Amino acid sequence: MLKKYEMGAMLLRIVLGFTFFIHGLDKFQGGISNTAGFFESLGIPGFLAFVVALIELVGGIAMILGIGTRVVSVLFVLIMVGAIFMAKLPLGFLGDGQMAGYELDVVLLTISVYLAIVNKSMFALDNVIFRSKQE
């Protein structure tokens, strides 16, 4: 029987995956060296820009498909915590008029935490790959 929370979890998973996929794609299309330069300006090693972009891109696709949802969610949590504390916190929740604040980051962080702890999401390949013996 279909439960409403399963539908909600599926929608959150797909939207979160799409959002991270687009952010990762943008980092590569905009020139990963630009992102690496931004990271370095924050005191973060530039090579981590590639790591973050790759997690966003591949993790976004995996999230949409529902593959490794919990693992990918935890990686997204780490990225969002890093983004908030390393780049966005001084800008405030709504930003400074020049740059966005951390409001979107908090939403993405919260959705990621939810998906890391929720049991299942509809139409996720995890359900096929890791079939529960209790069903």
C-alpha atoms as a PDB file:
ATOM      1  CA  MET A   1       0.000   0.000   0.000  1.00  0.00           C
ATOM      2  CA  LEU A   2       1.325   3.425  -0.988  1.00  0.00           C
ATOM      3  CA  LYS A   3       1.969   5.731   1.919  1.00  0.00           C
ATOM      4  CA  LYS A   4       2.011   9.500   1.605  1.00  0.00           C
ATOM      5  CA  TYR A   5       5.410   9.846   3.287  1.00  0.00           C
ATOM      6  CA  GLU A   6       6.912   7.492   0.671  1.00  0.00           C
ATOM      7  CA  MET A   7       5.683   9.790  -2.093  1.00  0.00           C
ATOM      8  CA  GLY A   8       7.086  12.788  -0.204  1.00  0.00           C
ATOM      9  CA  ALA A   9      10.454  11.089   0.268  1.00  0.00           C
ATOM     10  CA  MET A  10      10.576  10.237  -3.435  1.00  0.00           C
ATOM     11  CA  LEU A  11       9.846  13.840  -4.416  1.00  0.00           C
ATOM     12  CA  LEU A  12      12.484  15.156  -2.011  1.00  0.00           C
ATOM     13  CA  ARG A  13      15.028  12.631  -3.326  1.00  0.00           C
ATOM     14  CA  ILE A  14      14.426  13.558  -6.962  1.00  0.00           C
ATOM     15  CA  VAL A  15      14.456  17.327  -6.381  1.00  0.00           C
ATOM     16  CA  LEU A  16      17.572  17.095  -4.194  1.00  0.00           C
ATOM     17  CA  GLY A  17      19.331  14.946  -6.779  1.00  0.00           C
ATOM     18  CA  PHE A  18      18.416  17.279  -9.614  1.00  0.00           C
ATOM     19  CA  THR A  19      19.550  20.341  -7.641  1.00  0.00           C
ATOM     20  CA  PHE A  20      22.943  18.848  -6.809  1.00  0.00           C
ATOM     21  CA  PHE A  21      23.377  17.499 -10.348  1.00  0.00           C
ATOM     22  CA  ILE A  22      22.805  20.971 -11.815  1.00  0.00           C
ATOM     23  CA  HIS A  23      25.216  22.552  -9.309  1.00  0.00           C
ATOM     24  CA  GLY A  24      27.898  19.982 -10.150  1.00  0.00           C
ATOM     25  CA  LEU A  25      27.340  20.407 -13.878  1.00  0.00           C
ATOM     26  CA  ASP A  26      27.582  24.171 -13.510  1.00  0.00           C
ATOM     27  CA  LYS A  27      30.921  23.863 -11.712  1.00  0.00           C
ATOM     28  CA  PHE A  28      32.361  21.831 -14.592  1.00  0.00           C
ATOM     29  CA  GLN A  29      30.777  23.915 -17.361  1.00  0.00           C
ATOM     30  CA  GLY A  30      31.824  27.184 -15.728  1.00  0.00           C
ATOM     31  CA  GLY A  31      35.376  25.949 -15.557  1.00  0.00           C
ATOM     32  CA  ILE A  32      36.383  23.877 -12.576  1.00  0.00           C
ATOM     33  CA  SER A  33      39.476  26.059 -12.258  1.00  0.00           C
ATOM     34  CA  ASN A  34      37.219  29.018 -11.407  1.00  0.00           C
ATOM     35  CA  THR A  35      35.615  27.004  -8.623  1.00  0.00           C
ATOM     36  CA  ALA A  36      39.053  25.843  -7.460  1.00  0.00           C
ATOM     37  CA  GLY A  37      40.161  29.489  -7.336  1.00  0.00           C
ATOM     38  CA  PHE A  38      37.106  30.374  -5.252  1.00  0.00           C
ATOM     39  CA  PHE A  39      37.838  27.501  -2.875  1.00  0.00           C
ATOM     40  CA  GLU A  40      41.442  28.671  -2.522  1.00  0.00           C
ATOM     41  CA  SER A  41      40.272  32.225  -1.787  1.00  0.00           C
ATOM     42  CA  LEU A  42      38.386  30.724   1.177  1.00  0.00           C
ATOM     43  CA  GLY A  43      41.445  28.815   2.369  1.00  0.00           C
ATOM     44  CA  ILE A  44      40.187  25.473   1.048  1.00  0.00           C
ATOM     45  CA  PRO A  45      42.534  23.369  -1.133  1.00  0.00           C
ATOM     46  CA  GLY A  46      41.595  23.897  -4.777  1.00  0.00           C
ATOM     47  CA  PHE A  47      41.498  20.181  -5.635  1.00  0.00           C
ATOM     48  CA  LEU A  48      38.466  19.855  -3.351  1.00  0.00           C
ATOM     49  CA  ALA A  49      36.482  21.834  -5.942  1.00  0.00           C
ATOM     50  CA  PHE A  50      36.821  18.851  -8.273  1.00  0.00           C
ATOM     51  CA  VAL A  51      35.848  16.422  -5.502  1.00  0.00           C
ATOM     52  CA  VAL A  52      32.780  18.481  -4.549  1.00  0.00           C
ATOM     53  CA  ALA A  53      31.702  18.954  -8.176  1.00  0.00           C
ATOM     54  CA  LEU A  54      32.091  15.235  -8.865  1.00  0.00           C
ATOM     55  CA  ILE A  55      30.055  14.294  -5.765  1.00  0.00           C
ATOM     56  CA  GLU A  56      27.371  16.778  -6.802  1.00  0.00           C
ATOM     57  CA  LEU A  57      27.264  15.551 -10.397  1.00  0.00           C
ATOM     58  CA  VAL A  58      27.476  11.783  -9.871  1.00  0.00           C
ATOM     59  CA  GLY A  59      25.704  11.906  -6.514  1.00  0.00           C
ATOM     60  CA  GLY A  60      22.888  13.903  -8.073  1.00  0.00           C
ATOM     61  CA  ILE A  61      22.323  11.242 -10.713  1.00  0.00           C
ATOM     62  CA  ALA A  62      22.537   8.480  -8.099  1.00  0.00           C
ATOM     63  CA  MET A  63      20.050  10.343  -5.889  1.00  0.00           C
ATOM     64  CA  ILE A  64      17.556  10.748  -8.750  1.00  0.00           C
ATOM     65  CA  LEU A  65      17.803   7.025  -9.491  1.00  0.00           C
ATOM     66  CA  GLY A  66      17.750   6.121  -5.810  1.00  0.00           C
ATOM     67  CA  ILE A  67      21.129   4.386  -5.770  1.00  0.00           C
ATOM     68  CA  GLY A  68      23.128   4.651  -2.547  1.00  0.00           C
ATOM     69  CA  THR A  69      20.690   7.216  -1.226  1.00  0.00           C
ATOM     70  CA  ARG A  70      21.934   7.146   2.358  1.00  0.00           C
ATOM     71  CA  VAL A  71      25.623   7.344   1.435  1.00  0.00           C
ATOM     72  CA  VAL A  72      25.055  10.128  -1.086  1.00  0.00           C
ATOM     73  CA  SER A  73      22.875  11.993   1.418  1.00  0.00           C
ATOM     74  CA  VAL A  74      25.681  11.919   3.979  1.00  0.00           C
ATOM     75  CA  LEU A  75      28.122  13.247   1.369  1.00  0.00           C
ATOM     76  CA  PHE A  76      25.646  16.040   0.555  1.00  0.00           C
ATOM     77  CA  VAL A  77      25.374  16.824   4.286  1.00  0.00           C
ATOM     78  CA  LEU A  78      29.162  17.216   4.474  1.00  0.00           C
ATOM     79  CA  ILE A  79      29.178  19.482   1.418  1.00  0.00           C
ATOM     80  CA  MET A  80      26.388  21.668   2.808  1.00  0.00           C
ATOM     81  CA  VAL A  81      27.974  21.973   6.256  1.00  0.00           C
ATOM     82  CA  GLY A  82      31.217  22.961   4.536  1.00  0.00           C
ATOM     83  CA  ALA A  83      29.441  25.482   2.300  1.00  0.00           C
ATOM     84  CA  ILE A  84      27.604  27.075   5.219  1.00  0.00           C
ATOM     85  CA  PHE A  85      30.572  27.357   7.563  1.00  0.00           C
ATOM     86  CA  MET A  86      33.328  28.070   5.032  1.00  0.00           C
ATOM     87  CA  ALA A  87      31.548  30.373   2.592  1.00  0.00           C
ATOM     88  CA  LYS A  88      28.065  31.490   3.550  1.00  0.00           C
ATOM     89  CA  LEU A  89      27.863  32.060   7.315  1.00  0.00           C
ATOM     90  CA  PRO A  90      29.381  35.574   7.238  1.00  0.00           C
ATOM     91  CA  LEU A  91      26.790  36.587   4.615  1.00  0.00           C
ATOM     92  CA  GLY A  92      23.872  35.846   6.933  1.00  0.00           C
ATOM     93  CA  PHE A  93      20.773  33.784   6.318  1.00  0.00           C
ATOM     94  CA  LEU A  94      19.494  35.941   3.436  1.00  0.00           C
ATOM     95  CA  GLY A  95      22.821  37.194   2.106  1.00  0.00           C
ATOM     96  CA  ASP A  96      24.361  40.605   1.840  1.00  0.00           C
ATOM     97  CA  GLY A  97      22.682  41.933  -1.300  1.00  0.00           C
ATOM     98  CA  GLN A  98      25.631  40.859  -3.457  1.00  0.00           C
ATOM     99  CA  MET A  99      25.667  37.145  -2.698  1.00  0.00           C
ATOM    100  CA  ALA A 100      23.036  34.682  -1.528  1.00  0.00           C
ATOM    101  CA  GLY A 101      22.983  33.681   2.099  1.00  0.00           C
ATOM    102  CA  TYR A 102      22.782  30.190   3.460  1.00  0.00           C
ATOM    103  CA  GLU A 103      18.987  29.770   3.337  1.00  0.00           C
ATOM    104  CA  LEU A 104      19.106  27.344   0.380  1.00  0.00           C
ATOM    105  CA  ASP A 105      22.030  25.518   1.955  1.00  0.00           C
ATOM    106  CA  VAL A 106      20.009  24.910   5.130  1.00  0.00           C
ATOM    107  CA  VAL A 107      17.115  23.506   3.098  1.00  0.00           C
ATOM    108  CA  LEU A 108      19.397  21.193   1.102  1.00  0.00           C
ATOM    109  CA  LEU A 109      21.142  20.143   4.321  1.00  0.00           C
ATOM    110  CA  THR A 110      17.823  19.339   5.989  1.00  0.00           C
ATOM    111  CA  ILE A 111      16.536  17.306   3.036  1.00  0.00           C
ATOM    112  CA  SER A 112      19.853  15.427   2.921  1.00  0.00           C
ATOM    113  CA  VAL A 113      19.641  14.594   6.640  1.00  0.00           C
ATOM    114  CA  TYR A 114      16.052  13.400   6.190  1.00  0.00           C
ATOM    115  CA  LEU A 115      16.969  11.123   3.295  1.00  0.00           C
ATOM    116  CA  ALA A 116      19.952   9.763   5.227  1.00  0.00           C
ATOM    117  CA  ILE A 117      17.684   8.599   8.066  1.00  0.00           C
ATOM    118  CA  VAL A 118      14.446   7.643   6.280  1.00  0.00           C
ATOM    119  CA  ASN A 119      13.924   3.960   5.594  1.00  0.00           C
ATOM    120  CA  LYS A 120      12.900   3.916   1.926  1.00  0.00           C
ATOM    121  CA  SER A 121      11.824   6.025  -0.995  1.00  0.00           C
ATOM    122  CA  MET A 122       9.459   4.906  -3.741  1.00  0.00           C
ATOM    123  CA  PHE A 123      10.852   3.968  -7.119  1.00  0.00           C
ATOM    124  CA  ALA A 124      14.428   3.905  -5.808  1.00  0.00           C
ATOM    125  CA  LEU A 125      16.798   1.344  -7.255  1.00  0.00           C
ATOM    126  CA  ASP A 126      18.017   0.774  -3.676  1.00  0.00           C
ATOM    127  CA  ASN A 127      14.702  -1.017  -3.096  1.00  0.00           C
ATOM    128  CA  VAL A 128      15.550  -3.514  -5.833  1.00  0.00           C
ATOM    129  CA  ILE A 129      19.251  -3.846  -5.043  1.00  0.00           C
ATOM    130  CA  PHE A 130      18.861  -4.099  -1.249  1.00  0.00           C
ATOM    131  CA  ARG A 131      15.547  -5.912  -0.990  1.00  0.00           C
ATOM    132  CA  SER A 132      14.500  -6.333   2.623  1.00  0.00           C
ATOM    133  CA  LYS A 133      13.788  -9.865   3.851  1.00  0.00           C
ATOM    134  CA  GLN A 134      10.999  -8.459   6.035  1.00  0.00           C
ATOM    135  CA  GLU A 135       8.751  -7.686   3.062  1.00  0.00           C
END
